[in-house]
Amino acid sequence: MSEKKPIIRCNPVFKQMVWGGTRLGSDFGYEIPGDSTGECWGIAAHKNGDATIETEEFKGETLRSLWEKRRDLFGNLSGEVFPLLIKIIDAKADLSIQVHPDDAYAAEHEDGSLGKMECWYIIDCPEDAELVVGHNATTREELADMIHNKKWDQFIRRIPIKKGDLIQIDPGTVHAITSGCLLLETQQNSDITYRVYDYDRLVDGKLRQLHVEQSIDVIQVPAKSVEDSKLHTQDLPKNQWNELIACKYYRIFKLTLDGEIAFKQTHPFLNLSVIEGEGTCNGETVKKGDHLILPCGFGDVKMTGKMTVIASTVNDK
């Protein structure tokens, strides 16, 4: 009989951003470093942010070191880095209009980095909120003209969103989170972003760096349709895992729990982020703002309580 594996609890890393606010403190109860905290890296094993492990058995380890030393906890997956990065983002102000490269472009131009595919689950947003997702150029020549000549109103495509929507952002997709949005982001473990436009705002008296030529290189033309980018998850059945999306790099699930659920953890690993409510996982108390990993071979899981959980793993199908 193999020894029961423990739940791996991660202590988040926080990032101060020019567009950040205070909701990671007020809404989630985190001890944030300041009034412009934009990102909570909840499950993170990156050189720019490496979550420490709270679980007694792994005290003193980070998720990066655990990935290196105990690959068995993650299904003995190959790869130099833990594959996913889970963030909660608080946008007090608009983020820059940006785009991410794919793996091939990043490997060639960004010192071997992974590209970045990501997905946003909207935790909260203003009434009538919109996000920037995609653009209106029909050819690469038109794209370059719109960007070089700052035709932003013609270029940028805005899409309406509601709480509970899921937005898939493929590499090459022009995108920006807008003021007042609070979201959970599941992404490849990468920190590469190309800024197309930043509203000419000054930080410490200077314009932030733009990456215009790289952006024109990697933006997908024409843009993916709105219908193919957005999913409504508000009315899914309760007390069961509902798969929201499966792509090359990840599978994402949502659980709206009101009572209890029992299931087997059969994935190489399963990330869990509690975004609302509280309860228990195999008898351990879990609450809003907690980030957990159920390792490979974890086996039987019983969760109780009233909470909303977003889970992710690699696409092992």
Protein backbone atom coordinates (compact mmCIF):
# COMPACT_ATOMS: atom_id res chain seq x y z
CA MET A 1 0.00 0.00 0.00
CA SER A 2 1.60 3.28 -1.05
CA GLU A 3 1.76 6.16 1.41
CA LYS A 4 -1.02 8.75 1.10
CA LYS A 5 0.26 11.88 -0.64
CA PRO A 6 -0.28 15.24 1.11
CA ILE A 7 -2.12 18.24 -0.31
CA ILE A 8 0.52 20.72 -1.53
CA ARG A 9 -0.39 24.22 -0.32
CA CYS A 10 1.26 27.19 -2.04
CA ASN A 11 1.99 30.60 -0.50
CA PRO A 12 1.39 33.21 -3.23
CA VAL A 13 3.86 35.72 -4.62
CA PHE A 14 2.54 39.30 -5.08
CA LYS A 15 3.44 41.79 -7.80
CA GLN A 16 3.09 45.56 -7.58
CA MET A 17 1.89 46.98 -10.92
CA VAL A 18 1.23 50.48 -12.22
CA TRP A 19 -2.38 49.38 -12.86
CA GLY A 20 -2.86 47.37 -9.64
CA GLY A 21 -5.13 48.05 -6.66
CA THR A 22 -6.11 46.72 -3.22
CA ARG A 23 -8.76 44.08 -3.92
CA LEU A 24 -6.36 41.16 -3.49
CA GLY A 25 -6.25 42.34 0.12
CA SER A 26 -9.87 43.42 0.64
CA ASP A 27 -11.57 40.62 -1.34
CA PHE A 28 -9.20 37.72 -0.68
CA GLY A 29 -7.67 38.57 2.69
CA TYR A 30 -4.09 38.39 1.41
CA GLU A 31 -1.39 40.46 3.11
CA ILE A 32 -0.52 42.54 0.08
CA PRO A 33 2.69 44.60 -0.21
CA GLY A 34 1.03 47.90 -1.18
CA ASP A 35 -1.92 49.77 -2.71
CA SER A 36 -0.97 48.94 -6.29
CA THR A 37 -0.85 45.13 -6.03
CA GLY A 38 -1.90 43.85 -9.43
CA GLU A 39 -1.07 40.16 -9.37
CA CYS A 40 -1.18 37.23 -6.99
CA TRP A 41 0.90 34.38 -8.41
CA GLY A 42 -0.97 31.63 -6.58
CA ILE A 43 0.63 28.52 -8.11
CA ALA A 44 3.96 29.64 -9.50
CA ALA A 45 7.33 28.05 -10.26
CA HIS A 46 9.04 30.77 -12.31
CA LYS A 47 12.32 32.60 -11.82
CA ASN A 48 10.32 35.85 -11.53
CA GLY A 49 8.01 34.39 -8.88
CA ASP A 50 8.38 31.08 -7.03
CA ALA A 51 5.70 30.07 -4.53
CA THR A 52 6.92 28.67 -1.22
CA ILE A 53 5.26 25.49 0.02
CA GLU A 54 3.33 25.62 3.29
CA THR A 55 2.72 21.86 3.60
CA GLU A 56 4.65 20.43 6.57
CA GLU A 57 6.28 17.59 4.59
CA PHE A 58 7.78 20.06 2.12
CA LYS A 59 8.53 23.02 4.42
CA GLY A 60 11.31 25.18 3.06
CA GLU A 61 10.80 24.04 -0.52
CA THR A 62 9.51 26.17 -3.37
CA LEU A 63 7.36 24.84 -6.19
CA ARG A 64 10.38 25.07 -8.51
CA SER A 65 12.56 23.02 -6.17
CA LEU A 66 9.79 20.47 -5.65
CA TRP A 67 9.41 20.14 -9.44
CA GLU A 68 13.16 19.50 -9.73
CA LYS A 69 13.53 17.07 -6.81
CA ARG A 70 10.19 15.27 -6.66
CA ARG A 71 9.00 14.87 -10.24
CA ASP A 72 7.01 11.82 -9.10
CA LEU A 73 4.53 14.23 -7.45
CA PHE A 74 3.77 15.56 -10.93
CA GLY A 75 3.37 12.29 -12.82
CA ASN A 76 7.05 12.28 -13.87
CA LEU A 77 6.19 14.76 -16.61
CA SER A 78 9.08 15.86 -18.82
CA GLY A 79 10.01 19.51 -19.31
CA GLU A 80 12.41 21.89 -17.64
CA VAL A 81 9.72 23.93 -15.88
CA PHE A 82 6.45 23.27 -14.09
CA PRO A 83 4.03 23.70 -17.00
CA LEU A 84 1.39 26.10 -15.62
CA LEU A 85 1.19 29.41 -13.77
CA ILE A 86 -1.99 30.43 -11.93
CA LYS A 87 -2.63 34.10 -11.09
CA ILE A 88 -5.37 36.29 -9.69
CA ILE A 89 -5.28 39.72 -11.33
CA ASP A 90 -6.76 42.94 -9.91
CA ALA A 91 -6.92 45.64 -12.58
CA LYS A 92 -7.66 48.97 -10.89
CA ALA A 93 -6.69 50.66 -14.17
CA ASP A 94 -6.54 49.40 -17.76
CA LEU A 95 -3.62 47.14 -18.66
CA SER A 96 -1.58 47.84 -21.78
CA ILE A 97 -2.74 46.51 -25.14
CA GLN A 98 -0.50 43.47 -25.52
CA VAL A 99 0.18 40.17 -27.25
CA HIS A 100 2.12 37.00 -26.41
CA PRO A 101 4.35 34.94 -28.73
CA ASP A 102 3.99 31.21 -29.29
CA ASP A 103 6.60 28.64 -28.21
CA ALA A 104 8.55 28.73 -31.47
CA TYR A 105 8.92 32.53 -31.58
CA ALA A 106 9.75 32.77 -27.85
CA ALA A 107 12.34 29.99 -28.09
CA GLU A 108 14.09 31.83 -30.93
CA HIS A 109 13.77 35.43 -29.71
CA GLU A 110 13.41 35.18 -25.91
CA ASP A 111 16.35 33.04 -24.84
CA GLY A 112 14.55 29.71 -25.06
CA SER A 113 11.48 30.80 -23.04
CA LEU A 114 8.09 29.17 -23.49
CA GLY A 115 5.46 31.16 -25.33
CA LYS A 116 2.26 32.08 -23.55
CA MET A 117 -1.24 30.74 -24.03
CA GLU A 118 -3.61 31.88 -21.31
CA CYS A 119 -7.20 31.82 -20.19
CA TRP A 120 -9.19 34.25 -18.01
CA TYR A 121 -12.02 33.33 -15.67
CA ILE A 122 -13.89 36.53 -14.75
CA ILE A 123 -14.34 36.58 -10.96
CA ASP A 124 -15.83 40.09 -10.92
CA CYS A 125 -16.26 43.00 -13.30
CA PRO A 126 -18.28 46.20 -13.61
CA GLU A 127 -21.75 46.23 -15.15
CA ASP A 128 -21.38 46.55 -18.97
CA ALA A 129 -17.66 45.65 -18.76
CA GLU A 130 -15.66 45.05 -21.93
CA LEU A 131 -12.25 43.50 -22.51
CA VAL A 132 -9.90 44.01 -25.44
CA VAL A 133 -9.74 40.66 -27.27
CA GLY A 134 -8.64 40.63 -30.91
CA HIS A 135 -8.38 43.37 -33.51
CA ASN A 136 -10.07 44.57 -36.72
CA ALA A 137 -7.22 44.42 -39.26
CA THR A 138 -7.84 42.08 -42.19
CA THR A 139 -4.28 41.90 -43.57
CA ARG A 140 -0.80 42.16 -42.07
CA GLU A 141 -0.24 45.38 -44.08
CA GLU A 142 -3.38 46.91 -42.57
CA LEU A 143 -2.26 45.73 -39.14
CA ALA A 144 1.15 47.42 -39.47
CA ASP A 145 -0.48 50.63 -40.77
CA MET A 146 -2.96 50.79 -37.86
CA ILE A 147 -0.23 50.24 -35.27
CA HIS A 148 2.46 52.51 -36.77
CA ASN A 149 -0.08 55.31 -37.32
CA LYS A 150 -1.73 54.84 -33.90
CA LYS A 151 -5.23 54.17 -35.28
CA TRP A 152 -6.19 52.57 -31.98
CA ASP A 153 -9.96 53.09 -32.19
CA GLN A 154 -10.05 51.32 -35.56
CA PHE A 155 -7.58 48.63 -34.53
CA ILE A 156 -8.81 47.44 -31.12
CA ARG A 157 -11.74 45.02 -30.78
CA ARG A 158 -13.69 45.15 -27.52
CA ILE A 159 -15.97 42.34 -26.35
CA PRO A 160 -18.64 42.48 -23.61
CA ILE A 161 -18.12 40.26 -20.57
CA LYS A 162 -19.95 39.16 -17.42
CA LYS A 163 -18.90 37.52 -14.14
CA GLY A 164 -18.36 33.82 -14.79
CA ASP A 165 -17.26 34.19 -18.42
CA LEU A 166 -14.14 32.36 -19.60
CA ILE A 167 -11.93 34.00 -22.25
CA GLN A 168 -9.29 31.99 -24.11
CA ILE A 169 -6.27 34.05 -25.23
CA ASP A 170 -4.18 32.14 -27.79
CA PRO A 171 -0.63 33.31 -28.61
CA GLY A 172 -0.93 36.03 -31.24
CA THR A 173 -4.17 37.44 -29.76
CA VAL A 174 -4.25 41.17 -29.05
CA HIS A 175 -5.69 41.60 -25.55
CA ALA A 176 -6.02 43.84 -22.51
CA ILE A 177 -7.72 43.53 -19.14
CA THR A 178 -9.76 46.64 -18.34
CA SER A 179 -10.32 48.71 -15.22
CA GLY A 180 -12.43 47.09 -12.50
CA CYS A 181 -11.91 43.48 -13.60
CA LEU A 182 -10.84 40.78 -11.16
CA LEU A 183 -9.93 37.48 -12.78
CA LEU A 184 -8.17 34.16 -12.38
CA GLU A 185 -5.63 33.50 -15.12
CA THR A 186 -4.40 30.04 -16.10
CA GLN A 187 -1.39 30.21 -18.41
CA GLN A 188 1.73 28.54 -19.65
CA ASN A 189 4.63 29.09 -17.27
CA SER A 190 6.04 32.12 -19.08
CA ASP A 191 6.50 35.82 -18.35
CA ILE A 192 6.89 37.10 -21.93
CA THR A 193 4.60 39.97 -22.93
CA TYR A 194 4.87 42.34 -25.89
CA ARG A 195 3.25 45.75 -25.34
CA VAL A 196 1.61 47.17 -28.46
CA TYR A 197 0.24 50.34 -26.84
CA ASP A 198 0.16 51.72 -23.28
CA TYR A 199 -2.07 54.83 -23.59
CA ASP A 200 1.09 57.00 -23.51
CA ARG A 201 1.03 56.79 -19.69
CA LEU A 202 4.10 57.75 -17.73
CA VAL A 203 5.68 55.66 -14.99
CA ASP A 204 8.26 57.61 -12.95
CA GLY A 205 8.10 60.26 -15.63
CA LYS A 206 8.89 57.87 -18.48
CA LEU A 207 6.92 55.97 -21.10
CA ARG A 208 6.95 52.20 -20.58
CA GLN A 209 8.80 50.17 -23.20
CA LEU A 210 6.77 49.07 -26.24
CA HIS A 211 7.50 46.05 -28.45
CA VAL A 212 5.95 47.20 -31.71
CA GLU A 213 7.94 45.16 -34.23
CA GLN A 214 7.76 41.95 -32.18
CA SER A 215 4.00 42.51 -31.83
CA ILE A 216 3.52 42.91 -35.58
CA ASP A 217 5.57 39.72 -36.06
CA VAL A 218 3.38 37.60 -33.79
CA ILE A 219 -0.19 39.00 -34.00
CA GLN A 220 -2.56 36.57 -35.68
CA VAL A 221 -4.28 38.05 -38.76
CA PRO A 222 -7.22 37.95 -39.05
CA ALA A 223 -8.16 37.68 -35.37
CA LYS A 224 -10.01 34.64 -34.01
CA SER A 225 -13.78 35.23 -33.84
CA VAL A 226 -15.38 36.47 -30.62
CA GLU A 227 -17.58 33.34 -30.51
CA ASP A 228 -14.48 31.13 -30.52
CA SER A 229 -12.86 33.14 -27.71
CA LYS A 230 -15.59 33.33 -25.04
CA LEU A 231 -17.52 30.78 -22.99
CA HIS A 232 -20.35 31.37 -20.47
CA THR A 233 -20.00 29.21 -17.34
CA GLN A 234 -22.71 30.73 -15.12
CA ASP A 235 -25.38 28.00 -15.34
CA LEU A 236 -23.35 24.81 -15.13
CA PRO A 237 -24.53 21.97 -12.85
CA LYS A 238 -23.52 22.20 -9.19
CA ASN A 239 -21.59 19.62 -7.17
CA GLN A 240 -19.67 18.24 -10.14
CA TRP A 241 -16.53 19.13 -12.06
CA ASN A 242 -17.42 20.83 -15.34
CA GLU A 243 -14.65 20.94 -17.97
CA LEU A 244 -14.52 24.45 -19.43
CA ILE A 245 -11.73 24.15 -21.97
CA ALA A 246 -9.08 21.75 -23.19
CA CYS A 247 -6.24 23.04 -25.36
CA LYS A 248 -2.69 21.91 -26.10
CA TYR A 249 -1.31 23.13 -22.76
CA TYR A 250 -4.07 22.81 -20.19
CA ARG A 251 -7.50 21.61 -19.18
CA ILE A 252 -9.60 23.84 -16.95
CA PHE A 253 -12.53 22.80 -14.75
CA LYS A 254 -15.06 24.60 -12.56
CA LEU A 255 -16.74 23.29 -9.41
CA THR A 256 -19.63 25.13 -7.77
CA LEU A 257 -19.99 23.20 -4.54
CA ASP A 258 -22.99 23.33 -2.23
CA GLY A 259 -22.75 20.18 -0.14
CA GLU A 260 -20.15 17.59 -1.03
CA ILE A 261 -18.37 15.86 -3.90
CA ALA A 262 -16.22 12.73 -4.01
CA PHE A 263 -13.86 11.97 -6.91
CA LYS A 264 -10.50 10.40 -7.74
CA GLN A 265 -7.49 12.54 -8.61
CA THR A 266 -6.08 10.66 -11.63
CA HIS A 267 -4.23 13.50 -13.44
CA PRO A 268 -0.43 14.05 -13.32
CA PHE A 269 -1.37 16.84 -10.84
CA LEU A 270 -4.46 18.98 -10.22
CA ASN A 271 -4.23 22.69 -9.33
CA LEU A 272 -7.12 24.00 -7.22
CA SER A 273 -7.84 27.69 -6.60
CA VAL A 274 -10.73 28.58 -4.29
CA ILE A 275 -12.25 31.82 -5.62
CA GLU A 276 -15.36 31.97 -3.42
CA GLY A 277 -16.57 30.47 -0.14
CA GLU A 278 -15.02 27.84 2.10
CA GLY A 279 -15.14 24.19 3.03
CA THR A 280 -12.88 21.17 3.41
CA CYS A 281 -10.72 18.99 1.17
CA ASN A 282 -10.11 15.55 2.70
CA GLY A 283 -10.79 17.09 6.10
CA GLU A 284 -8.43 20.06 5.68
CA THR A 285 -10.04 23.51 5.84
CA VAL A 286 -9.89 25.43 2.57
CA LYS A 287 -11.17 28.93 1.90
CA LYS A 288 -11.33 31.72 -0.66
CA GLY A 289 -7.81 32.61 -1.77
CA ASP A 290 -6.27 29.19 -1.09
CA HIS A 291 -4.17 27.57 -3.84
CA LEU A 292 -3.57 23.83 -3.62
CA ILE A 293 -2.06 21.08 -5.74
CA LEU A 294 -3.30 17.51 -5.49
CA PRO A 295 -0.25 15.51 -6.61
CA CYS A 296 -0.06 12.46 -8.87
CA GLY A 297 -1.46 9.35 -7.21
CA PHE A 298 -3.40 11.39 -4.64
CA GLY A 299 -6.37 9.09 -5.12
CA ASP A 300 -9.71 9.61 -3.36
CA VAL A 301 -10.82 13.19 -2.72
CA LYS A 302 -13.79 14.39 -0.72
CA MET A 303 -14.68 18.08 -0.69
CA THR A 304 -17.44 19.62 1.41
CA GLY A 305 -18.79 23.13 1.89
CA LYS A 306 -20.07 26.01 -0.13
CA MET A 307 -17.43 27.29 -2.53
CA THR A 308 -16.38 27.90 -6.13
CA VAL A 309 -13.16 26.26 -7.28
CA ILE A 310 -11.27 26.59 -10.57
CA ALA A 311 -8.97 23.64 -11.29
CA SER A 312 -6.37 23.00 -13.97
CA THR A 313 -3.95 20.39 -15.16
CA VAL A 314 -1.94 19.60 -18.27
CA ASN A 315 -3.80 18.16 -21.24
CA ASP A 316 -2.91 14.50 -20.64
CA LYS A 317 -5.52 13.09 -23.04
